[in-house]
Amino acid sequence: MKTELFKAMNEKTSQSTKLPLTASILAAVGGSICCIGPFVLLLMGVSGSWISNLMAFQRYQPLFIVFVLGMLVWAGFKVYKPIESCEPGSVCAVPQTRIRRQVLFWFVSAIALCLVTSAYWLPLFLL
């Protein structure tokens, strides 16, 4: 009975942390599609004049960046919530789980940062 309760709490907390992290990665991909999309397609050998149509997404890039930052802030609040605010025996009170989630948070943040800033560093490799 105790393990079933622990599993149910683990799934609930895990889902509440996964949502902002997944949303931030998807928004980062959306924000970088105008810049990194054509580069990836060219590296894969895909060519055509339609690739320039991906630049139409550039006007939405600031909205995606704001959304990425918002999702990462939300995830940061969930991951770095003080242990005192966690219920005793819940998943957020377990030190190993907290450390694993914090590492995952910083890994996702680094990927999102690379994708969002690709418009600025990608041209350095295309020279």
Protein backbone atom coordinates (compact mmCIF):
# COMPACT_ATOMS: atom_id res chain seq x y z
CA MET A 1 0.00 0.00 0.00
CA LYS A 2 2.79 2.41 0.89
CA THR A 3 4.65 1.79 -2.41
CA GLU A 4 1.44 2.37 -4.40
CA LEU A 5 0.94 5.70 -2.66
CA PHE A 6 4.59 6.62 -3.28
CA LYS A 7 4.26 5.71 -6.99
CA ALA A 8 1.09 7.79 -7.33
CA MET A 9 2.76 10.82 -5.72
CA ASN A 10 5.87 10.31 -7.86
CA GLU A 11 3.84 10.27 -11.09
CA LYS A 12 1.89 13.40 -10.09
CA THR A 13 5.00 15.39 -9.18
CA SER A 14 6.89 14.07 -12.18
CA GLN A 15 4.14 15.17 -14.56
CA SER A 16 4.00 18.66 -13.01
CA THR A 17 7.74 19.08 -13.61
CA LYS A 18 7.78 17.57 -17.10
CA LEU A 19 5.23 20.01 -18.52
CA PRO A 20 7.26 23.23 -18.23
CA LEU A 21 10.50 21.52 -19.31
CA THR A 22 8.89 19.94 -22.37
CA ALA A 23 7.10 23.16 -23.27
CA SER A 24 10.34 25.15 -23.02
CA ILE A 25 12.18 22.77 -25.37
CA LEU A 26 9.32 22.85 -27.90
CA ALA A 27 9.17 26.64 -27.71
CA ALA A 28 12.95 26.85 -28.16
CA VAL A 29 12.69 24.69 -31.28
CA GLY A 30 9.90 26.93 -32.53
CA GLY A 31 11.93 30.05 -31.81
CA SER A 32 14.96 28.73 -33.67
CA ILE A 33 13.20 27.21 -36.68
CA CYS A 34 13.80 30.34 -38.76
CA CYS A 35 17.54 30.20 -38.21
CA ILE A 36 18.63 26.67 -37.47
CA GLY A 37 15.96 24.98 -39.62
CA PRO A 38 17.45 25.93 -43.00
CA PHE A 39 20.95 25.07 -41.74
CA VAL A 40 19.88 21.58 -40.64
CA LEU A 41 18.01 20.99 -43.89
CA LEU A 42 21.05 22.01 -45.93
CA LEU A 43 23.28 19.72 -43.87
CA MET A 44 20.90 16.87 -44.63
CA GLY A 45 21.10 17.60 -48.36
CA VAL A 46 17.62 19.07 -48.71
CA SER A 47 17.52 22.08 -50.96
CA GLY A 48 14.98 24.22 -52.67
CA SER A 49 13.68 27.73 -52.78
CA TRP A 50 10.96 26.84 -50.26
CA ILE A 51 13.56 26.78 -47.49
CA SER A 52 13.54 30.57 -47.50
CA ASN A 53 9.90 30.40 -46.41
CA LEU A 54 11.12 29.31 -42.99
CA MET A 55 12.33 32.88 -42.48
CA ALA A 56 8.65 33.85 -42.17
CA PHE A 57 8.80 32.47 -38.63
CA GLN A 58 11.43 35.04 -37.67
CA ARG A 59 8.80 37.60 -36.73
CA TYR A 60 7.51 35.22 -34.03
CA GLN A 61 10.94 34.57 -32.55
CA PRO A 62 10.61 37.13 -29.71
CA LEU A 63 7.30 35.54 -28.65
CA PHE A 64 8.91 32.11 -28.57
CA ILE A 65 11.84 33.44 -26.56
CA VAL A 66 9.53 34.99 -23.97
CA PHE A 67 7.59 31.73 -23.78
CA VAL A 68 10.82 29.73 -23.32
CA LEU A 69 11.96 32.01 -20.52
CA GLY A 70 8.54 31.82 -18.86
CA MET A 71 8.48 28.04 -18.98
CA LEU A 72 12.04 27.80 -17.63
CA VAL A 73 11.20 30.14 -14.76
CA TRP A 74 8.11 28.06 -13.98
CA ALA A 75 10.16 24.86 -14.08
CA GLY A 76 12.83 26.47 -11.91
CA PHE A 77 10.27 27.35 -9.25
CA LYS A 78 8.98 23.78 -9.28
CA VAL A 79 12.43 22.18 -9.19
CA TYR A 80 13.97 24.49 -6.58
CA LYS A 81 10.92 24.59 -4.31
CA PRO A 82 12.11 24.62 -0.67
CA ILE A 83 12.05 21.23 1.03
CA GLU A 84 10.09 22.75 3.90
CA SER A 85 7.11 23.34 1.57
CA CYS A 86 7.10 19.66 0.51
CA GLU A 87 4.94 17.17 2.31
CA PRO A 88 6.98 14.65 4.34
CA GLY A 89 7.52 11.52 2.31
CA SER A 90 6.62 13.18 -1.00
CA VAL A 91 8.87 12.99 -4.02
CA CYS A 92 10.11 16.57 -3.78
CA ALA A 93 11.42 15.82 -0.28
CA VAL A 94 13.67 12.97 -1.50
CA PRO A 95 17.22 14.34 -2.02
CA GLN A 96 18.15 11.99 -4.90
CA THR A 97 15.04 12.94 -6.86
CA ARG A 98 15.61 16.65 -6.25
CA ILE A 99 19.21 16.44 -7.50
CA ARG A 100 18.18 14.43 -10.57
CA ARG A 101 15.49 16.98 -11.44
CA GLN A 102 17.86 19.89 -10.94
CA VAL A 103 20.41 18.30 -13.28
CA LEU A 104 17.67 17.69 -15.85
CA PHE A 105 16.50 21.30 -15.46
CA TRP A 106 19.97 22.68 -16.21
CA PHE A 107 20.44 20.28 -19.13
CA VAL A 108 17.15 21.38 -20.69
CA SER A 109 18.00 25.03 -19.98
CA ALA A 110 21.32 24.66 -21.82
CA ILE A 111 19.62 23.09 -24.85
CA ALA A 112 16.96 25.79 -24.89
CA LEU A 113 19.61 28.51 -24.62
CA CYS A 114 21.56 27.04 -27.54
CA LEU A 115 18.44 26.85 -29.69
CA VAL A 116 17.16 30.32 -28.81
CA THR A 117 20.52 32.02 -29.38
CA SER A 118 21.30 30.11 -32.59
CA ALA A 119 20.50 33.18 -34.68
CA TYR A 120 23.52 34.92 -33.18
CA TRP A 121 26.20 32.18 -33.18
CA LEU A 122 25.20 30.12 -36.21
CA PRO A 123 26.41 32.69 -38.77
CA LEU A 124 29.91 32.41 -37.31
CA PHE A 125 30.08 28.80 -38.57
CA LEU A 126 28.72 29.62 -42.02
CA LEU A 127 31.51 32.00 -43.00
